[in-house]
Amino acid sequence: MQSIIKSFLLGIMLVSCSGNDSRYRDTQMLEHPPEITISKPGAELRVIDNSKIPKKRHEAGLGEDVYMTTSTPPQLRIKQSLDDAWSTLGLALKQSGIEITDREHDKGLYYVLYDPEKSFFSGKHNEAIYVLTVESDGAETVVSAILGNAAEQSSAGGRSKKRGADKDNSSEQLADGAEKLLQSLYESIRDDLKEE
């Protein structure tokens, strides 16, 4: 019986709330969507989107912000200021496992110990000193590599074996090592460089 009484009271309350108040039936005050007028009936509307979606940065590496020139000798070009490129190059050398024997930031020089023929399966370690020169060129930075001179080779001490004395390894192969070093750094900076 109580449930019948509760239902009856609830029904009466609902009926009393649905009175004849015009505020609840008049929809003129509600917001309407804007009207679009077309000046040429039947003409097809063309929308030109000039916005640019930024390219997704590589997960690692600089991507298109680094490239190699085809000049002789080749150069590595980094689209960064000199100080930023200096840091990027140092990071790439570290992550590539190339030993830095000396550096002169004010002259833009890295001295590195590099074996151009070193491979995973090779037991040879015919390392030589190479000099990386880092120079500003407008909005870019240019990195070039050369084989270190005899004094620089001897300053490395027992860590490097001078390969010029070997018959199989000529000074031309050592000079080619500079190109291999730049190519290795290019690939590392472009694809594998991770910020620390």
C-alpha atoms as a PDB file:
ATOM      1  CA  MET A   1       0.000   0.000   0.000  1.00  0.00           C
ATOM      2  CA  GLN A   2       2.817   2.383   0.779  1.00  0.00           C
ATOM      3  CA  SER A   3       4.319   1.847  -2.635  1.00  0.00           C
ATOM      4  CA  ILE A   4       1.019   2.785  -4.271  1.00  0.00           C
ATOM      5  CA  ILE A   5       0.857   5.986  -2.239  1.00  0.00           C
ATOM      6  CA  LYS A   6       4.467   6.857  -3.125  1.00  0.00           C
ATOM      7  CA  SER A   7       3.767   6.264  -6.808  1.00  0.00           C
ATOM      8  CA  PHE A   8       0.652   8.410  -6.656  1.00  0.00           C
ATOM      9  CA  LEU A   9       2.507  11.298  -4.967  1.00  0.00           C
ATOM     10  CA  LEU A  10       5.326  11.074  -7.472  1.00  0.00           C
ATOM     11  CA  GLY A  11       2.847  11.256 -10.350  1.00  0.00           C
ATOM     12  CA  ILE A  12       1.179  14.315  -8.848  1.00  0.00           C
ATOM     13  CA  MET A  13       4.559  16.062  -8.467  1.00  0.00           C
ATOM     14  CA  LEU A  14       5.495  15.383 -12.079  1.00  0.00           C
ATOM     15  CA  VAL A  15       2.185  16.724 -13.346  1.00  0.00           C
ATOM     16  CA  SER A  16       2.542  19.850 -11.244  1.00  0.00           C
ATOM     17  CA  CYS A  17       6.054  20.509 -12.625  1.00  0.00           C
ATOM     18  CA  SER A  18       4.862  20.360 -16.225  1.00  0.00           C
ATOM     19  CA  GLY A  19       2.808  23.510 -16.005  1.00  0.00           C
ATOM     20  CA  ASN A  20       1.987  25.932 -18.801  1.00  0.00           C
ATOM     21  CA  ASP A  21       5.102  28.107 -18.350  1.00  0.00           C
ATOM     22  CA  SER A  22       6.002  29.469 -21.817  1.00  0.00           C
ATOM     23  CA  ARG A  23       9.714  29.717 -20.937  1.00  0.00           C
ATOM     24  CA  TYR A  24       9.989  25.958 -21.282  1.00  0.00           C
ATOM     25  CA  ARG A  25       8.237  25.709 -24.659  1.00  0.00           C
ATOM     26  CA  ASP A  26       9.634  28.753 -26.493  1.00  0.00           C
ATOM     27  CA  THR A  27      12.803  27.794 -28.408  1.00  0.00           C
ATOM     28  CA  GLN A  28      13.495  31.179 -30.060  1.00  0.00           C
ATOM     29  CA  MET A  29      16.087  32.087 -27.440  1.00  0.00           C
ATOM     30  CA  LEU A  30      18.139  28.949 -28.044  1.00  0.00           C
ATOM     31  CA  GLU A  31      21.416  29.258 -29.970  1.00  0.00           C
ATOM     32  CA  HIS A  32      21.213  28.290 -33.651  1.00  0.00           C
ATOM     33  CA  PRO A  33      24.111  27.237 -35.890  1.00  0.00           C
ATOM     34  CA  PRO A  34      25.418  29.951 -38.220  1.00  0.00           C
ATOM     35  CA  GLU A  35      24.048  30.074 -41.726  1.00  0.00           C
ATOM     36  CA  ILE A  36      26.432  29.689 -44.652  1.00  0.00           C
ATOM     37  CA  THR A  37      25.624  31.691 -47.735  1.00  0.00           C
ATOM     38  CA  ILE A  38      26.920  30.602 -51.099  1.00  0.00           C
ATOM     39  CA  SER A  39      27.433  33.435 -53.559  1.00  0.00           C
ATOM     40  CA  LYS A  40      27.368  31.248 -56.681  1.00  0.00           C
ATOM     41  CA  PRO A  41      24.586  28.689 -56.629  1.00  0.00           C
ATOM     42  CA  GLY A  42      25.665  25.329 -58.003  1.00  0.00           C
ATOM     43  CA  ALA A  43      29.360  26.281 -57.977  1.00  0.00           C
ATOM     44  CA  GLU A  44      31.730  23.912 -56.297  1.00  0.00           C
ATOM     45  CA  LEU A  45      33.512  25.324 -53.271  1.00  0.00           C
ATOM     46  CA  ARG A  46      37.277  24.869 -53.267  1.00  0.00           C
ATOM     47  CA  VAL A  47      39.205  25.077 -50.064  1.00  0.00           C
ATOM     48  CA  ILE A  48      42.942  25.568 -50.307  1.00  0.00           C
ATOM     49  CA  ASP A  49      44.863  24.451 -47.257  1.00  0.00           C
ATOM     50  CA  ASN A  50      48.163  26.288 -47.009  1.00  0.00           C
ATOM     51  CA  SER A  51      48.977  25.015 -43.544  1.00  0.00           C
ATOM     52  CA  LYS A  52      52.040  22.869 -43.082  1.00  0.00           C
ATOM     53  CA  ILE A  53      52.180  19.868 -40.854  1.00  0.00           C
ATOM     54  CA  PRO A  54      55.566  19.793 -39.150  1.00  0.00           C
ATOM     55  CA  LYS A  55      57.569  16.741 -40.068  1.00  0.00           C
ATOM     56  CA  LYS A  56      58.002  14.245 -37.330  1.00  0.00           C
ATOM     57  CA  ARG A  57      61.541  14.341 -36.033  1.00  0.00           C
ATOM     58  CA  HIS A  58      63.499  11.144 -36.171  1.00  0.00           C
ATOM     59  CA  GLU A  59      63.490   9.131 -33.014  1.00  0.00           C
ATOM     60  CA  ALA A  60      67.272   9.402 -33.077  1.00  0.00           C
ATOM     61  CA  GLY A  61      69.661  11.399 -35.196  1.00  0.00           C
ATOM     62  CA  LEU A  62      69.394  14.711 -37.022  1.00  0.00           C
ATOM     63  CA  GLY A  63      67.923  13.316 -40.253  1.00  0.00           C
ATOM     64  CA  GLU A  64      67.960  15.932 -43.010  1.00  0.00           C
ATOM     65  CA  ASP A  65      69.830  18.431 -40.819  1.00  0.00           C
ATOM     66  CA  VAL A  66      73.107  16.730 -41.734  1.00  0.00           C
ATOM     67  CA  TYR A  67      74.491  15.804 -45.166  1.00  0.00           C
ATOM     68  CA  MET A  68      77.690  14.907 -47.040  1.00  0.00           C
ATOM     69  CA  THR A  69      79.027  16.910 -49.957  1.00  0.00           C
ATOM     70  CA  THR A  70      80.194  15.241 -53.143  1.00  0.00           C
ATOM     71  CA  SER A  71      83.257  17.478 -53.385  1.00  0.00           C
ATOM     72  CA  THR A  72      86.798  16.148 -53.213  1.00  0.00           C
ATOM     73  CA  PRO A  73      87.619  15.749 -50.398  1.00  0.00           C
ATOM     74  CA  PRO A  74      84.095  15.258 -49.078  1.00  0.00           C
ATOM     75  CA  GLN A  75      82.782  17.357 -46.235  1.00  0.00           C
ATOM     76  CA  LEU A  76      80.211  16.694 -43.564  1.00  0.00           C
ATOM     77  CA  ARG A  77      77.755  19.595 -43.186  1.00  0.00           C
ATOM     78  CA  ILE A  78      75.586  20.063 -40.113  1.00  0.00           C
ATOM     79  CA  LYS A  79      72.737  22.586 -40.102  1.00  0.00           C
ATOM     80  CA  GLN A  80      73.652  23.925 -36.665  1.00  0.00           C
ATOM     81  CA  SER A  81      75.709  26.739 -35.206  1.00  0.00           C
ATOM     82  CA  LEU A  82      79.403  26.080 -34.612  1.00  0.00           C
ATOM     83  CA  ASP A  83      79.024  25.440 -30.862  1.00  0.00           C
ATOM     84  CA  ASP A  84      76.014  23.157 -31.305  1.00  0.00           C
ATOM     85  CA  ALA A  85      77.747  21.224 -34.108  1.00  0.00           C
ATOM     86  CA  TRP A  86      80.890  20.913 -31.935  1.00  0.00           C
ATOM     87  CA  SER A  87      78.787  19.266 -29.222  1.00  0.00           C
ATOM     88  CA  THR A  88      76.914  17.110 -31.749  1.00  0.00           C
ATOM     89  CA  LEU A  89      80.195  15.882 -33.262  1.00  0.00           C
ATOM     90  CA  GLY A  90      81.637  15.099 -29.821  1.00  0.00           C
ATOM     91  CA  LEU A  91      78.513  13.142 -28.930  1.00  0.00           C
ATOM     92  CA  ALA A  92      78.646  11.227 -32.225  1.00  0.00           C
ATOM     93  CA  LEU A  93      82.314  10.334 -31.649  1.00  0.00           C
ATOM     94  CA  LYS A  94      81.527   9.108 -28.149  1.00  0.00           C
ATOM     95  CA  GLN A  95      78.508   7.054 -29.240  1.00  0.00           C
ATOM     96  CA  SER A  96      80.442   5.580 -32.185  1.00  0.00           C
ATOM     97  CA  GLY A  97      83.218   4.403 -29.888  1.00  0.00           C
ATOM     98  CA  ILE A  98      85.837   6.559 -31.645  1.00  0.00           C
ATOM     99  CA  GLU A  99      88.478   7.657 -29.168  1.00  0.00           C
ATOM    100  CA  ILE A 100      89.182  11.381 -28.920  1.00  0.00           C
ATOM    101  CA  THR A 101      92.890  11.800 -28.182  1.00  0.00           C
ATOM    102  CA  ASP A 102      92.826  15.600 -28.014  1.00  0.00           C
ATOM    103  CA  ARG A 103      90.599  18.559 -28.825  1.00  0.00           C
ATOM    104  CA  GLU A 104      91.183  22.259 -29.372  1.00  0.00           C
ATOM    105  CA  HIS A 105      87.821  24.010 -29.296  1.00  0.00           C
ATOM    106  CA  ASP A 106      89.257  27.472 -30.031  1.00  0.00           C
ATOM    107  CA  LYS A 107      90.836  26.114 -33.250  1.00  0.00           C
ATOM    108  CA  GLY A 108      87.907  23.802 -34.017  1.00  0.00           C
ATOM    109  CA  LEU A 109      90.010  20.622 -34.015  1.00  0.00           C
ATOM    110  CA  TYR A 110      89.300  17.087 -32.813  1.00  0.00           C
ATOM    111  CA  TYR A 111      92.134  14.546 -32.854  1.00  0.00           C
ATOM    112  CA  VAL A 112      90.724  11.031 -32.995  1.00  0.00           C
ATOM    113  CA  LEU A 113      92.099   7.512 -33.094  1.00  0.00           C
ATOM    114  CA  TYR A 114      90.351   5.621 -35.903  1.00  0.00           C
ATOM    115  CA  ASP A 115      90.829   2.329 -37.742  1.00  0.00           C
ATOM    116  CA  PRO A 116      89.206   2.534 -41.201  1.00  0.00           C
ATOM    117  CA  GLU A 117      89.481  -1.235 -41.745  1.00  0.00           C
ATOM    118  CA  LYS A 118      88.215  -2.302 -38.343  1.00  0.00           C
ATOM    119  CA  SER A 119      85.284  -4.664 -38.566  1.00  0.00           C
ATOM    120  CA  PHE A 120      83.415  -6.903 -36.191  1.00  0.00           C
ATOM    121  CA  PHE A 121      85.162 -10.036 -37.485  1.00  0.00           C
ATOM    122  CA  SER A 122      88.571  -8.474 -38.053  1.00  0.00           C
ATOM    123  CA  GLY A 123      91.272  -8.872 -35.452  1.00  0.00           C
ATOM    124  CA  LYS A 124      93.335  -6.050 -36.959  1.00  0.00           C
ATOM    125  CA  HIS A 125      93.610  -2.783 -35.126  1.00  0.00           C
ATOM    126  CA  ASN A 126      95.625  -0.520 -37.414  1.00  0.00           C
ATOM    127  CA  GLU A 127      94.534   2.745 -35.891  1.00  0.00           C
ATOM    128  CA  ALA A 128      95.834   6.124 -36.935  1.00  0.00           C
ATOM    129  CA  ILE A 129      95.304   9.684 -35.754  1.00  0.00           C
ATOM    130  CA  TYR A 130      92.871  11.725 -37.854  1.00  0.00           C
ATOM    131  CA  VAL A 131      92.197  15.430 -37.462  1.00  0.00           C
ATOM    132  CA  LEU A 132      88.611  16.649 -37.720  1.00  0.00           C
ATOM    133  CA  THR A 133      88.301  20.363 -38.499  1.00  0.00           C
ATOM    134  CA  VAL A 134      85.047  22.055 -37.481  1.00  0.00           C
ATOM    135  CA  GLU A 135      84.364  25.430 -39.169  1.00  0.00           C
ATOM    136  CA  SER A 136      81.364  27.735 -39.369  1.00  0.00           C
ATOM    137  CA  ASP A 137      79.919  28.431 -42.828  1.00  0.00           C
ATOM    138  CA  GLY A 138      76.951  30.760 -42.430  1.00  0.00           C
ATOM    139  CA  ALA A 139      74.028  28.914 -40.837  1.00  0.00           C
ATOM    140  CA  GLU A 140      75.815  25.575 -41.230  1.00  0.00           C
ATOM    141  CA  THR A 141      78.948  24.003 -39.850  1.00  0.00           C
ATOM    142  CA  VAL A 142      81.465  22.168 -42.040  1.00  0.00           C
ATOM    143  CA  VAL A 143      83.427  19.174 -40.759  1.00  0.00           C
ATOM    144  CA  SER A 144      86.419  17.887 -42.733  1.00  0.00           C
ATOM    145  CA  ALA A 145      88.876  15.096 -41.924  1.00  0.00           C
ATOM    146  CA  ILE A 146      92.531  14.502 -42.770  1.00  0.00           C
ATOM    147  CA  LEU A 147      95.148  12.001 -41.690  1.00  0.00           C
ATOM    148  CA  GLY A 148      97.285  13.442 -38.914  1.00  0.00           C
ATOM    149  CA  ASN A 149     100.907  14.287 -39.721  1.00  0.00           C
ATOM    150  CA  ALA A 150     103.874  12.223 -38.523  1.00  0.00           C
ATOM    151  CA  ALA A 151     104.256  14.261 -35.331  1.00  0.00           C
ATOM    152  CA  GLU A 152     100.605  13.716 -34.447  1.00  0.00           C
ATOM    153  CA  GLN A 153     100.934   9.996 -35.207  1.00  0.00           C
ATOM    154  CA  SER A 154     103.953   9.671 -32.912  1.00  0.00           C
ATOM    155  CA  SER A 155     102.209  11.685 -30.176  1.00  0.00           C
ATOM    156  CA  ALA A 156      99.622   8.914 -29.933  1.00  0.00           C
ATOM    157  CA  GLY A 157     102.385   6.713 -28.550  1.00  0.00           C
ATOM    158  CA  GLY A 158     101.870   2.986 -28.475  1.00  0.00           C
ATOM    159  CA  ARG A 159      98.141   3.199 -29.105  1.00  0.00           C
ATOM    160  CA  SER A 160      98.466   3.556 -32.882  1.00  0.00           C
ATOM    161  CA  LYS A 161     100.530   1.514 -35.266  1.00  0.00           C
ATOM    162  CA  LYS A 162     101.892   3.469 -38.134  1.00  0.00           C
ATOM    163  CA  ARG A 163     100.624   1.543 -41.140  1.00  0.00           C
ATOM    164  CA  GLY A 164     102.790   3.317 -43.719  1.00  0.00           C
ATOM    165  CA  ALA A 165     105.594   0.838 -43.090  1.00  0.00           C
ATOM    166  CA  ASP A 166     103.417  -2.099 -44.128  1.00  0.00           C
ATOM    167  CA  LYS A 167     103.535  -3.060 -47.808  1.00  0.00           C
ATOM    168  CA  ASP A 168      99.832  -3.916 -47.884  1.00  0.00           C
ATOM    169  CA  ASN A 169      98.726  -0.644 -46.334  1.00  0.00           C
ATOM    170  CA  SER A 170      99.812   2.426 -48.254  1.00  0.00           C
ATOM    171  CA  SER A 171      99.370   6.069 -47.310  1.00  0.00           C
ATOM    172  CA  GLU A 172      96.536   6.207 -49.873  1.00  0.00           C
ATOM    173  CA  GLN A 173      94.563   3.721 -47.792  1.00  0.00           C
ATOM    174  CA  LEU A 174      95.189   5.879 -44.736  1.00  0.00           C
ATOM    175  CA  ALA A 175      93.927   8.938 -46.616  1.00  0.00           C
ATOM    176  CA  ASP A 176      90.821   6.965 -47.619  1.00  0.00           C
ATOM    177  CA  GLY A 177      90.323   6.423 -43.907  1.00  0.00           C
ATOM    178  CA  ALA A 178      89.464  10.126 -43.553  1.00  0.00           C
ATOM    179  CA  GLU A 179      86.567   9.672 -45.982  1.00  0.00           C
ATOM    180  CA  LYS A 180      85.461   6.507 -44.176  1.00  0.00           C
ATOM    181  CA  LEU A 181      85.614   8.365 -40.857  1.00  0.00           C
ATOM    182  CA  LEU A 182      83.427  11.193 -42.194  1.00  0.00           C
ATOM    183  CA  GLN A 183      80.976   8.706 -43.710  1.00  0.00           C
ATOM    184  CA  SER A 184      80.764   6.811 -40.428  1.00  0.00           C
ATOM    185  CA  LEU A 185      80.144  10.042 -38.493  1.00  0.00           C
ATOM    186  CA  TYR A 186      77.559  11.165 -41.063  1.00  0.00           C
ATOM    187  CA  GLU A 187      75.562   7.956 -40.681  1.00  0.00           C
ATOM    188  CA  SER A 188      75.819   8.110 -36.906  1.00  0.00           C
ATOM    189  CA  ILE A 189      74.673  11.751 -36.696  1.00  0.00           C
ATOM    190  CA  ARG A 190      71.903  11.266 -39.261  1.00  0.00           C
ATOM    191  CA  ASP A 191      70.427   8.026 -37.915  1.00  0.00           C
ATOM    192  CA  ASP A 192      71.719   7.008 -34.502  1.00  0.00           C
ATOM    193  CA  LEU A 193      72.574  10.117 -32.485  1.00  0.00           C
ATOM    194  CA  LYS A 194      70.830  10.121 -29.106  1.00  0.00           C
ATOM    195  CA  GLU A 195      70.813  13.160 -26.848  1.00  0.00           C
ATOM    196  CA  GLU A 196      72.250  12.574 -23.405  1.00  0.00           C
END
